[in-house]
Amino acid sequence: YSSVPPVETFDTVLYATGRSADTE
């Protein structure tokens, strides 16, 4: 693991924190 900065700038943020059943 690298050290965690308080804030960092990115061009793209991709979320991959899970999937939900598409039943709502």
mmCIF file of all heavy atoms, coordinates in Angstrom:
data_MODEL
# 
_entry.id   MODEL 
# 
loop_
_atom_site.group_PDB 
_atom_site.id 
_atom_site.type_symbol 
_atom_site.label_atom_id 
_atom_site.label_alt_id 
_atom_site.label_comp_id 
_atom_site.label_asym_id 
_atom_site.label_entity_id 
_atom_site.label_seq_id 
_atom_site.pdbx_PDB_ins_code 
_atom_site.Cartn_x 
_atom_site.Cartn_y 
_atom_site.Cartn_z 
_atom_site.occupancy 
_atom_site.B_iso_or_equiv 
_atom_site.pdbx_formal_charge 
_atom_site.auth_seq_id 
_atom_site.auth_comp_id 
_atom_site.auth_asym_id 
_atom_site.auth_atom_id 
_atom_site.pdbx_PDB_model_num 
ATOM 1   N N   . TYR A 1 1  ? 0.828   -1.199 0.000   1.00 0.00 ? 1  TYR A N   1 
ATOM 2   C CA  . TYR A 1 1  ? 0.000   0.000  0.000   1.00 0.00 ? 1  TYR A CA  1 
ATOM 3   C C   . TYR A 1 1  ? 0.866   1.253  0.000   1.00 0.00 ? 1  TYR A C   1 
ATOM 4   O O   . TYR A 1 1  ? 1.863   1.343  0.713   1.00 0.00 ? 1  TYR A O   1 
ATOM 5   C CB  . TYR A 1 1  ? -0.931  0.018  1.214   1.00 0.00 ? 1  TYR A CB  1 
ATOM 6   C CG  . TYR A 1 1  ? -1.985  -1.061 1.170   1.00 0.00 ? 1  TYR A CG  1 
ATOM 7   C CD1 . TYR A 1 1  ? -1.843  -2.236 1.901   1.00 0.00 ? 1  TYR A CD1 1 
ATOM 8   C CD2 . TYR A 1 1  ? -3.119  -0.904 0.377   1.00 0.00 ? 1  TYR A CD2 1 
ATOM 9   C CE1 . TYR A 1 1  ? -2.802  -3.232 1.847   1.00 0.00 ? 1  TYR A CE1 1 
ATOM 10  C CE2 . TYR A 1 1  ? -4.084  -1.899 0.320   1.00 0.00 ? 1  TYR A CE2 1 
ATOM 11  C CZ  . TYR A 1 1  ? -3.920  -3.049 1.058   1.00 0.00 ? 1  TYR A CZ  1 
ATOM 12  O OH  . TYR A 1 1  ? -4.870  -4.033 0.996   1.00 0.00 ? 1  TYR A OH  1 
ATOM 13  N N   . SER A 1 2  ? 0.445   2.229  -0.805  1.00 0.00 ? 2  SER A N   1 
ATOM 14  C CA  . SER A 1 2  ? 1.112   3.528  -0.818  1.00 0.00 ? 2  SER A CA  1 
ATOM 15  C C   . SER A 1 2  ? 0.491   4.426  0.246   1.00 0.00 ? 2  SER A C   1 
ATOM 16  O O   . SER A 1 2  ? -0.615  4.163  0.739   1.00 0.00 ? 2  SER A O   1 
ATOM 17  C CB  . SER A 1 2  ? 0.953   4.189  -2.193  1.00 0.00 ? 2  SER A CB  1 
ATOM 18  O OG  . SER A 1 2  ? 1.502   3.382  -3.209  1.00 0.00 ? 2  SER A OG  1 
ATOM 19  N N   . SER A 1 3  ? 1.184   5.470  0.608   1.00 0.00 ? 3  SER A N   1 
ATOM 20  C CA  . SER A 1 3  ? 0.633   6.420  1.571   1.00 0.00 ? 3  SER A CA  1 
ATOM 21  C C   . SER A 1 3  ? -0.590  7.098  0.964   1.00 0.00 ? 3  SER A C   1 
ATOM 22  O O   . SER A 1 3  ? -0.676  7.310  -0.250  1.00 0.00 ? 3  SER A O   1 
ATOM 23  C CB  . SER A 1 3  ? 1.684   7.460  1.947   1.00 0.00 ? 3  SER A CB  1 
ATOM 24  O OG  . SER A 1 3  ? 2.128   8.151  0.795   1.00 0.00 ? 3  SER A OG  1 
ATOM 25  N N   . VAL A 1 4  ? -1.545  7.435  1.823   1.00 0.00 ? 4  VAL A N   1 
ATOM 26  C CA  . VAL A 1 4  ? -2.820  7.991  1.376   1.00 0.00 ? 4  VAL A CA  1 
ATOM 27  C C   . VAL A 1 4  ? -2.784  9.510  1.478   1.00 0.00 ? 4  VAL A C   1 
ATOM 28  O O   . VAL A 1 4  ? -2.666  10.054 2.581   1.00 0.00 ? 4  VAL A O   1 
ATOM 29  C CB  . VAL A 1 4  ? -3.986  7.431  2.207   1.00 0.00 ? 4  VAL A CB  1 
ATOM 30  C CG1 . VAL A 1 4  ? -5.310  8.044  1.750   1.00 0.00 ? 4  VAL A CG1 1 
ATOM 31  C CG2 . VAL A 1 4  ? -4.035  5.913  2.110   1.00 0.00 ? 4  VAL A CG2 1 
ATOM 32  N N   . PRO A 1 5  ? -2.894  10.219 0.371   1.00 0.00 ? 5  PRO A N   1 
ATOM 33  C CA  . PRO A 1 5  ? -2.930  11.678 0.428   1.00 0.00 ? 5  PRO A CA  1 
ATOM 34  C C   . PRO A 1 5  ? -4.315  12.160 0.859   1.00 0.00 ? 5  PRO A C   1 
ATOM 35  O O   . PRO A 1 5  ? -5.318  11.464 0.621   1.00 0.00 ? 5  PRO A O   1 
ATOM 36  C CB  . PRO A 1 5  ? -2.634  12.088 -1.014  1.00 0.00 ? 5  PRO A CB  1 
ATOM 37  C CG  . PRO A 1 5  ? -3.195  10.968 -1.826  1.00 0.00 ? 5  PRO A CG  1 
ATOM 38  C CD  . PRO A 1 5  ? -2.993  9.719  -1.015  1.00 0.00 ? 5  PRO A CD  1 
ATOM 39  N N   . PRO A 1 6  ? -4.430  13.333 1.469   1.00 0.00 ? 6  PRO A N   1 
ATOM 40  C CA  . PRO A 1 6  ? -5.758  13.849 1.822   1.00 0.00 ? 6  PRO A CA  1 
ATOM 41  C C   . PRO A 1 6  ? -6.626  14.072 0.590   1.00 0.00 ? 6  PRO A C   1 
ATOM 42  O O   . PRO A 1 6  ? -7.830  13.846 0.610   1.00 0.00 ? 6  PRO A O   1 
ATOM 43  C CB  . PRO A 1 6  ? -5.453  15.173 2.533   1.00 0.00 ? 6  PRO A CB  1 
ATOM 44  C CG  . PRO A 1 6  ? -4.026  15.110 2.917   1.00 0.00 ? 6  PRO A CG  1 
ATOM 45  C CD  . PRO A 1 6  ? -3.352  14.226 1.925   1.00 0.00 ? 6  PRO A CD  1 
ATOM 46  N N   . VAL A 1 7  ? -5.996  14.531 -0.501  1.00 0.00 ? 7  VAL A N   1 
ATOM 47  C CA  . VAL A 1 7  ? -6.715  14.760 -1.743  1.00 0.00 ? 7  VAL A CA  1 
ATOM 48  C C   . VAL A 1 7  ? -5.758  14.519 -2.908  1.00 0.00 ? 7  VAL A C   1 
ATOM 49  O O   . VAL A 1 7  ? -4.571  14.810 -2.817  1.00 0.00 ? 7  VAL A O   1 
ATOM 50  C CB  . VAL A 1 7  ? -7.302  16.185 -1.795  1.00 0.00 ? 7  VAL A CB  1 
ATOM 51  C CG1 . VAL A 1 7  ? -6.207  17.235 -1.694  1.00 0.00 ? 7  VAL A CG1 1 
ATOM 52  C CG2 . VAL A 1 7  ? -8.133  16.396 -3.057  1.00 0.00 ? 7  VAL A CG2 1 
ATOM 53  N N   . GLU A 1 8  ? -6.284  13.922 -3.984  1.00 0.00 ? 8  GLU A N   1 
ATOM 54  C CA  . GLU A 1 8  ? -5.489  13.687 -5.182  1.00 0.00 ? 8  GLU A CA  1 
ATOM 55  C C   . GLU A 1 8  ? -6.360  13.899 -6.409  1.00 0.00 ? 8  GLU A C   1 
ATOM 56  O O   . GLU A 1 8  ? -7.566  13.620 -6.379  1.00 0.00 ? 8  GLU A O   1 
ATOM 57  C CB  . GLU A 1 8  ? -4.902  12.274 -5.186  1.00 0.00 ? 8  GLU A CB  1 
ATOM 58  C CG  . GLU A 1 8  ? -3.921  12.024 -6.320  1.00 0.00 ? 8  GLU A CG  1 
ATOM 59  C CD  . GLU A 1 8  ? -3.173  10.701 -6.185  1.00 0.00 ? 8  GLU A CD  1 
ATOM 60  O OE1 . GLU A 1 8  ? -3.252  10.067 -5.109  1.00 0.00 ? 8  GLU A OE1 1 
ATOM 61  O OE2 . GLU A 1 8  ? -2.522  10.301 -7.167  1.00 0.00 ? 8  GLU A OE2 1 
ATOM 62  N N   . THR A 1 9  ? -5.762  14.375 -7.482  1.00 0.00 ? 9  THR A N   1 
ATOM 63  C CA  . THR A 1 9  ? -6.502  14.694 -8.695  1.00 0.00 ? 9  THR A CA  1 
ATOM 64  C C   . THR A 1 9  ? -6.379  13.570 -9.715  1.00 0.00 ? 9  THR A C   1 
ATOM 65  O O   . THR A 1 9  ? -5.280  13.080 -9.981  1.00 0.00 ? 9  THR A O   1 
ATOM 66  C CB  . THR A 1 9  ? -5.995  16.006 -9.309  1.00 0.00 ? 9  THR A CB  1 
ATOM 67  O OG1 . THR A 1 9  ? -6.081  17.043 -8.321  1.00 0.00 ? 9  THR A OG1 1 
ATOM 68  C CG2 . THR A 1 9  ? -6.831  16.404 -10.513 1.00 0.00 ? 9  THR A CG2 1 
ATOM 69  N N   . PHE A 1 10 ? -7.519  13.187 -10.288 1.00 0.00 ? 10 PHE A N   1 
ATOM 70  C CA  . PHE A 1 10 ? -7.575  12.138 -11.297 1.00 0.00 ? 10 PHE A CA  1 
ATOM 71  C C   . PHE A 1 10 ? -8.373  12.642 -12.502 1.00 0.00 ? 10 PHE A C   1 
ATOM 72  O O   . PHE A 1 10 ? -9.205  13.551 -12.379 1.00 0.00 ? 10 PHE A O   1 
ATOM 73  C CB  . PHE A 1 10 ? -8.246  10.877 -10.743 1.00 0.00 ? 10 PHE A CB  1 
ATOM 74  C CG  . PHE A 1 10 ? -7.480  10.210 -9.640  1.00 0.00 ? 10 PHE A CG  1 
ATOM 75  C CD1 . PHE A 1 10 ? -7.662  10.595 -8.311  1.00 0.00 ? 10 PHE A CD1 1 
ATOM 76  C CD2 . PHE A 1 10 ? -6.583  9.199  -9.921  1.00 0.00 ? 10 PHE A CD2 1 
ATOM 77  C CE1 . PHE A 1 10 ? -6.956  9.983  -7.286  1.00 0.00 ? 10 PHE A CE1 1 
ATOM 78  C CE2 . PHE A 1 10 ? -5.868  8.575  -8.901  1.00 0.00 ? 10 PHE A CE2 1 
ATOM 79  C CZ  . PHE A 1 10 ? -6.049  8.973  -7.588  1.00 0.00 ? 10 PHE A CZ  1 
ATOM 80  N N   . ASP A 1 11 ? -8.130  12.018 -13.648 1.00 0.00 ? 11 ASP A N   1 
ATOM 81  C CA  . ASP A 1 11 ? -8.948  12.313 -14.820 1.00 0.00 ? 11 ASP A CA  1 
ATOM 82  C C   . ASP A 1 11 ? -10.251 11.535 -14.798 1.00 0.00 ? 11 ASP A C   1 
ATOM 83  O O   . ASP A 1 11 ? -11.281 12.009 -15.276 1.00 0.00 ? 11 ASP A O   1 
ATOM 84  C CB  . ASP A 1 11 ? -8.172  11.965 -16.100 1.00 0.00 ? 11 ASP A CB  1 
ATOM 85  C CG  . ASP A 1 11 ? -6.916  12.789 -16.253 1.00 0.00 ? 11 ASP A CG  1 
ATOM 86  O OD1 . ASP A 1 11 ? -7.026  14.028 -16.339 1.00 0.00 ? 11 ASP A OD1 1 
ATOM 87  O OD2 . ASP A 1 11 ? -5.823  12.189 -16.262 1.00 0.00 ? 11 ASP A OD2 1 
ATOM 88  N N   . THR A 1 12 ? -10.185 10.319 -14.253 1.00 0.00 ? 12 THR A N   1 
ATOM 89  C CA  . THR A 1 12 ? -11.357 9.436  -14.228 1.00 0.00 ? 12 THR A CA  1 
ATOM 90  C C   . THR A 1 12 ? -11.422 8.722  -12.884 1.00 0.00 ? 12 THR A C   1 
ATOM 91  O O   . THR A 1 12 ? -10.399 8.283  -12.359 1.00 0.00 ? 12 THR A O   1 
ATOM 92  C CB  . THR A 1 12 ? -11.281 8.376  -15.350 1.00 0.00 ? 12 THR A CB  1 
ATOM 93  O OG1 . THR A 1 12 ? -11.216 9.035  -16.615 1.00 0.00 ? 12 THR A OG1 1 
ATOM 94  C CG2 . THR A 1 12 ? -12.480 7.455  -15.329 1.00 0.00 ? 12 THR A CG2 1 
ATOM 95  N N   . VAL A 1 13 ? -12.640 8.604  -12.350 1.00 0.00 ? 13 VAL A N   1 
ATOM 96  C CA  . VAL A 1 13 ? -12.885 7.784  -11.158 1.00 0.00 ? 13 VAL A CA  1 
ATOM 97  C C   . VAL A 1 13 ? -13.872 6.689  -11.557 1.00 0.00 ? 13 VAL A C   1 
ATOM 98  O O   . VAL A 1 13 ? -14.963 6.978  -12.068 1.00 0.00 ? 13 VAL A O   1 
ATOM 99  C CB  . VAL A 1 13 ? -13.449 8.623  -9.998  1.00 0.00 ? 13 VAL A CB  1 
ATOM 100 C CG1 . VAL A 1 13 ? -13.819 7.721  -8.825  1.00 0.00 ? 13 VAL A CG1 1 
ATOM 101 C CG2 . VAL A 1 13 ? -12.447 9.692  -9.565  1.00 0.00 ? 13 VAL A CG2 1 
ATOM 102 N N   . LEU A 1 14 ? -13.468 5.452  -11.353 1.00 0.00 ? 14 LEU A N   1 
ATOM 103 C CA  . LEU A 1 14 ? -14.291 4.300  -11.716 1.00 0.00 ? 14 LEU A CA  1 
ATOM 104 C C   . LEU A 1 14 ? -14.696 3.559  -10.451 1.00 0.00 ? 14 LEU A C   1 
ATOM 105 O O   . LEU A 1 14 ? -13.837 3.089  -9.699  1.00 0.00 ? 14 LEU A O   1 
ATOM 106 C CB  . LEU A 1 14 ? -13.524 3.371  -12.654 1.00 0.00 ? 14 LEU A CB  1 
ATOM 107 C CG  . LEU A 1 14 ? -14.281 2.200  -13.295 1.00 0.00 ? 14 LEU A CG  1 
ATOM 108 C CD1 . LEU A 1 14 ? -13.609 1.794  -14.603 1.00 0.00 ? 14 LEU A CD1 1 
ATOM 109 C CD2 . LEU A 1 14 ? -14.349 0.970  -12.375 1.00 0.00 ? 14 LEU A CD2 1 
ATOM 110 N N   . TYR A 1 15 ? -15.989 3.484  -10.176 1.00 0.00 ? 15 TYR A N   1 
ATOM 111 C CA  . TYR A 1 15 ? -16.469 2.791  -8.979  1.00 0.00 ? 15 TYR A CA  1 
ATOM 112 C C   . TYR A 1 15 ? -16.688 1.318  -9.268  1.00 0.00 ? 15 TYR A C   1 
ATOM 113 O O   . TYR A 1 15 ? -17.324 0.941  -10.262 1.00 0.00 ? 15 TYR A O   1 
ATOM 114 C CB  . TYR A 1 15 ? -17.759 3.425  -8.467  1.00 0.00 ? 15 TYR A CB  1 
ATOM 115 C CG  . TYR A 1 15 ? -17.507 4.315  -7.270  1.00 0.00 ? 15 TYR A CG  1 
ATOM 116 C CD1 . TYR A 1 15 ? -17.086 5.624  -7.449  1.00 0.00 ? 15 TYR A CD1 1 
ATOM 117 C CD2 . TYR A 1 15 ? -17.638 3.840  -5.973  1.00 0.00 ? 15 TYR A CD2 1 
ATOM 118 C CE1 . TYR A 1 15 ? -16.820 6.446  -6.359  1.00 0.00 ? 15 TYR A CE1 1 
ATOM 119 C CE2 . TYR A 1 15 ? -17.374 4.641  -4.878  1.00 0.00 ? 15 TYR A CE2 1 
ATOM 120 C CZ  . TYR A 1 15 ? -16.968 5.947  -5.074  1.00 0.00 ? 15 TYR A CZ  1 
ATOM 121 O OH  . TYR A 1 15 ? -16.693 6.741  -3.987  1.00 0.00 ? 15 TYR A OH  1 
ATOM 122 N N   . ALA A 1 16 ? -16.162 0.467  -8.383  1.00 0.00 ? 16 ALA A N   1 
ATOM 123 C CA  . ALA A 1 16 ? -16.303 -0.979 -8.482  1.00 0.00 ? 16 ALA A CA  1 
ATOM 124 C C   . ALA A 1 16 ? -16.511 -1.543 -7.091  1.00 0.00 ? 16 ALA A C   1 
ATOM 125 O O   . ALA A 1 16 ? -15.790 -2.429 -6.640  1.00 0.00 ? 16 ALA A O   1 
ATOM 126 C CB  . ALA A 1 16 ? -15.070 -1.590 -9.136  1.00 0.00 ? 16 ALA A CB  1 
ATOM 127 N N   . THR A 1 17 ? -17.504 -0.993 -6.405  1.00 0.00 ? 17 THR A N   1 
ATOM 128 C CA  . THR A 1 17 ? -17.733 -1.353 -4.999  1.00 0.00 ? 17 THR A CA  1 
ATOM 129 C C   . THR A 1 17 ? -18.881 -2.336 -4.823  1.00 0.00 ? 17 THR A C   1 
ATOM 130 O O   . THR A 1 17 ? -19.362 -2.527 -3.716  1.00 0.00 ? 17 THR A O   1 
ATOM 131 C CB  . THR A 1 17 ? -18.013 -0.088 -4.170  1.00 0.00 ? 17 THR A CB  1 
ATOM 132 O OG1 . THR A 1 17 ? -19.023 0.700  -4.828  1.00 0.00 ? 17 THR A OG1 1 
ATOM 133 C CG2 . THR A 1 17 ? -16.764 0.754  -4.035  1.00 0.00 ? 17 THR A CG2 1 
ATOM 134 N N   . GLY A 1 18 ? -19.297 -2.955 -5.894  1.00 0.00 ? 18 GLY A N   1 
ATOM 135 C CA  . GLY A 1 18 ? -20.327 -3.975 -5.782  1.00 0.00 ? 18 GLY A CA  1 
ATOM 136 C C   . GLY A 1 18 ? -21.429 -3.779 -6.800  1.00 0.00 ? 18 GLY A C   1 
ATOM 137 O O   . GLY A 1 18 ? -21.501 -2.775 -7.503  1.00 0.00 ? 18 GLY A O   1 
ATOM 138 N N   . ARG A 1 19 ? -22.293 -4.782 -6.871  1.00 0.00 ? 19 ARG A N   1 
ATOM 139 C CA  . ARG A 1 19 ? -23.433 -4.739 -7.786  1.00 0.00 ? 19 ARG A CA  1 
ATOM 140 C C   . ARG A 1 19 ? -24.700 -5.068 -7.005  1.00 0.00 ? 19 ARG A C   1 
ATOM 141 O O   . ARG A 1 19 ? -24.661 -5.817 -6.022  1.00 0.00 ? 19 ARG A O   1 
ATOM 142 C CB  . ARG A 1 19 ? -23.245 -5.734 -8.937  1.00 0.00 ? 19 ARG A CB  1 
ATOM 143 C CG  . ARG A 1 19 ? -22.127 -5.358 -9.872  1.00 0.00 ? 19 ARG A CG  1 
ATOM 144 C CD  . ARG A 1 19 ? -21.884 -6.411 -10.935 1.00 0.00 ? 19 ARG A CD  1 
ATOM 145 N NE  . ARG A 1 19 ? -22.952 -6.514 -11.908 1.00 0.00 ? 19 ARG A NE  1 
ATOM 146 C CZ  . ARG A 1 19 ? -23.052 -5.723 -12.985 1.00 0.00 ? 19 ARG A CZ  1 
ATOM 147 N NH1 . ARG A 1 19 ? -22.173 -4.767 -13.192 1.00 0.00 ? 19 ARG A NH1 1 
ATOM 148 N NH2 . ARG A 1 19 ? -24.034 -5.887 -13.845 1.00 0.00 ? 19 ARG A NH2 1 
ATOM 149 N N   . SER A 1 20 ? -25.805 -4.495 -7.439  1.00 0.00 ? 20 SER A N   1 
ATOM 150 C CA  . SER A 1 20 ? -27.102 -4.738 -6.813  1.00 0.00 ? 20 SER A CA  1 
ATOM 151 C C   . SER A 1 20 ? -28.010 -5.460 -7.791  1.00 0.00 ? 20 SER A C   1 
ATOM 152 O O   . SER A 1 20 ? -27.982 -5.192 -8.999  1.00 0.00 ? 20 SER A O   1 
ATOM 153 C CB  . SER A 1 20 ? -27.753 -3.414 -6.392  1.00 0.00 ? 20 SER A CB  1 
ATOM 154 O OG  . SER A 1 20 ? -26.959 -2.723 -5.463  1.00 0.00 ? 20 SER A OG  1 
ATOM 155 N N   . ALA A 1 21 ? -28.820 -6.371 -7.260  1.00 0.00 ? 21 ALA A N   1 
ATOM 156 C CA  . ALA A 1 21 ? -29.804 -7.051 -8.108  1.00 0.00 ? 21 ALA A CA  1 
ATOM 157 C C   . ALA A 1 21 ? -30.760 -6.015 -8.691  1.00 0.00 ? 21 ALA A C   1 
ATOM 158 O O   . ALA A 1 21 ? -31.259 -5.143 -7.978  1.00 0.00 ? 21 ALA A O   1 
ATOM 159 C CB  . ALA A 1 21 ? -30.573 -8.081 -7.291  1.00 0.00 ? 21 ALA A CB  1 
ATOM 160 N N   . ASP A 1 22 ? -31.011 -6.091 -9.986  1.00 0.00 ? 22 ASP A N   1 
ATOM 161 C CA  . ASP A 1 22 ? -31.838 -5.100 -10.682 1.00 0.00 ? 22 ASP A CA  1 
ATOM 162 C C   . ASP A 1 22 ? -33.313 -5.484 -10.551 1.00 0.00 ? 22 ASP A C   1 
ATOM 163 O O   . ASP A 1 22 ? -33.977 -5.845 -11.533 1.00 0.00 ? 22 ASP A O   1 
ATOM 164 C CB  . ASP A 1 22 ? -31.413 -5.025 -12.148 1.00 0.00 ? 22 ASP A CB  1 
ATOM 165 C CG  . ASP A 1 22 ? -31.963 -3.795 -12.849 1.00 0.00 ? 22 ASP A CG  1 
ATOM 166 O OD1 . ASP A 1 22 ? -32.528 -2.935 -12.158 1.00 0.00 ? 22 ASP A OD1 1 
ATOM 167 O OD2 . ASP A 1 22 ? -31.815 -3.703 -14.078 1.00 0.00 ? 22 ASP A OD2 1 
ATOM 168 N N   . THR A 1 23 ? -33.837 -5.383 -9.327  1.00 0.00 ? 23 THR A N   1 
ATOM 169 C CA  . THR A 1 23 ? -35.217 -5.791 -9.055  1.00 0.00 ? 23 THR A CA  1 
ATOM 170 C C   . THR A 1 23 ? -36.072 -4.674 -8.462  1.00 0.00 ? 23 THR A C   1 
ATOM 171 O O   . THR A 1 23 ? -37.278 -4.861 -8.284  1.00 0.00 ? 23 THR A O   1 
ATOM 172 C CB  . THR A 1 23 ? -35.229 -6.977 -8.067  1.00 0.00 ? 23 THR A CB  1 
ATOM 173 O OG1 . THR A 1 23 ? -34.521 -6.600 -6.864  1.00 0.00 ? 23 THR A OG1 1 
ATOM 174 C CG2 . THR A 1 23 ? -34.559 -8.205 -8.664  1.00 0.00 ? 23 THR A CG2 1 
ATOM 175 N N   . GLU A 1 24 ? -35.478 -3.520 -8.214  1.00 0.00 ? 24 GLU A N   1 
ATOM 176 C CA  . GLU A 1 24 ? -36.174 -2.475 -7.455  1.00 0.00 ? 24 GLU A CA  1 
ATOM 177 C C   . GLU A 1 24 ? -37.473 -2.021 -8.121  1.00 0.00 ? 24 GLU A C   1 
ATOM 178 O O   . GLU A 1 24 ? -38.479 -1.781 -7.457  1.00 0.00 ? 24 GLU A O   1 
ATOM 179 C CB  . GLU A 1 24 ? -35.244 -1.275 -7.260  1.00 0.00 ? 24 GLU A CB  1 
ATOM 180 C CG  . GLU A 1 24 ? -35.839 -0.172 -6.394  1.00 0.00 ? 24 GLU A CG  1 
ATOM 181 C CD  . GLU A 1 24 ? -34.871 0.979  -6.185  1.00 0.00 ? 24 GLU A CD  1 
ATOM 182 O OE1 . GLU A 1 24 ? -33.749 0.928  -6.716  1.00 0.00 ? 24 GLU A OE1 1 
ATOM 183 O OE2 . GLU A 1 24 ? -35.248 1.941  -5.480  1.00 0.00 ? 24 GLU A OE2 1 
# 
